Amino acid sequence: MKPGGRNEVLDRAAAVCILTLCFGCLHVIALKSQLFTRLGGLPSSTEFPINYKTLYFDQKFLEPWQPQHQYGSSPDMVPCGDFYKIVTQDFARSGHNCDANIRKSWKAINNVTSTASGLQWLSEEFSLCAPLKSAMDVAIFKNWLQETWVNLAMVDYPYEANFLQPLPPWPIQVVCKYLGFDSTVSDYQLLHGVSQAAKVYYNYTGSSSCLNISQTATGSLGLLGWFYQACTEMVMPMCTDGVQDMFEPEEWNFQAFSDECNAIFGVRPRADWAGIVYGGKDIIAHSNIIFSNGGLDPWSAGGVTYNITDSLISIMIPDGAHHLDLRYSNDNDPPSVRAARAVEVKYFREWINHAPKTPRTAPTP
C-alpha cells in the first residue's frame, strides 16, 4: 500500500458512511412526512398509508437535515396560472397593446396556416429553418413562440446579456415596439410584427440565417437535465386561460405530463413528492435562509414573498428578472437590486458572526 493509502481508504469509508446516513435520513423524512400527509387525508396522495412503526428517528434529529426549496411544486401550493400571469404582466407594462396583440396572434396563426400558401408565407416571414407543412408543425411552432415570450420575461435585464440568447437591454421593451397595433390590424400585419419581435430574441446579433423552432435557448444551458428534475423531483403545475394571461387556454393535466416524462425518460413523477420531502410551506423550524424574488420573474409566483421569521427573510426586487441579484453588478442595475444585495450581505455578515466557532484540529498523521 502506498504511503497515506490507509488514510485514503478510511476517508472514503467515512464518506460512504456519511452519504449512507444522509440518504437514510432523507428516506425517513419522506416516511415521516407521508405518514402525516396520508393520515391527514390530502387528496394529492394515492398511496397506502405508512405504518407508524416504520418511524424510528426522533423528529428533532431529522429537522436539521431537511433541505429547502423555493418553488412549491404540489398543485395545492401555487395556483397553476400564476406563472403565466406574471409573464403577461411583464409584456403589458412594456408597451401599448403588447400583451393584447400577442393574445390575438394565436388566432391569427390559425387563420393564416389554414391554407398551404399561408403555411409557406408564415415559414418565410419567420425565416424558419424548416417550413411548416402540417397542423402538428403549427402546434410546435406555437409552443415555440410561447416559450419565447416566457424566456424573455425571465431575462428582461436592464443591460445587454446572453444568458439564454444574446439580447439588448430591457428586451421586452424592444420586442413590444413591434406589437403596438390597434384593434384593426390584419392577421398578416400582426404576424409580421410578431416575426420581428421574435427575431429580437433569436437574432439580435444578426448572425442567424434562419430560426430553428426546436430550440429556444443556447444549447449549452442543459434544459434536458432541468426537465428530468421536474419529472422526478419538482412537479410544477402550469395552466393558462387566455383571459388573465396572453396565451391559448390550456388546463393543467398531470397525467399528460406524467406520460411525457415516461416517454422521454422512462420515469413517472409523484405530484406531491416535493412537498413530502421538503416540507412544502411549513419551514418555520429552519433558519438563516434568504428568499429573493424579482418582480419581473415569473418564477416568483412560487417564491416566498414575506418574512416567515426573523431569520427566514424574503427580499422582493420589483425591477428584477430571473436571479438578477445573483448576477455580476452592472452600472445599469436598478436601485432595487442594489438595495437587495446590500440587505443580503448584511444578513450574511450577521449570521457568520453569530455562527458557533469550531476550533480547527491538526490532521491525523
Foldseek 3Di string as FASTA:
>chain_A
DDVCPVVVVVVVVVVVVVVVVLVVLLVLLLLVLQQCVVVVPDPLDDDDHDDPVVRDDDPVVNLVSFDADFFFFFCVQFPQALLQLLLQVLLVVQAACRLVLLLVLLVLLVVQPPDPVSQVVLCVLLQAPDTDDDPVSSVLLQVLLVVLSQVLLQPQAQAFDAPFHTAGHRLSNVLRVLQNDDPPDHSVSSSSSSSVSSCRQVPVVVPDSGDYSVDNGPPPPPVVVVLLCCFEAGVHRHFHPSPSGSGHGDHGDQVVSQVVSCVPPVGGYRNCRNCSSNVRPPSLVDFQAEWEDESSESSCSRGDQQAPDPGHYYQYQDHDHNPPLVDDDDPSDDPSSVVVVVVVVVSVVVCVVPDDDDDDDDDDD
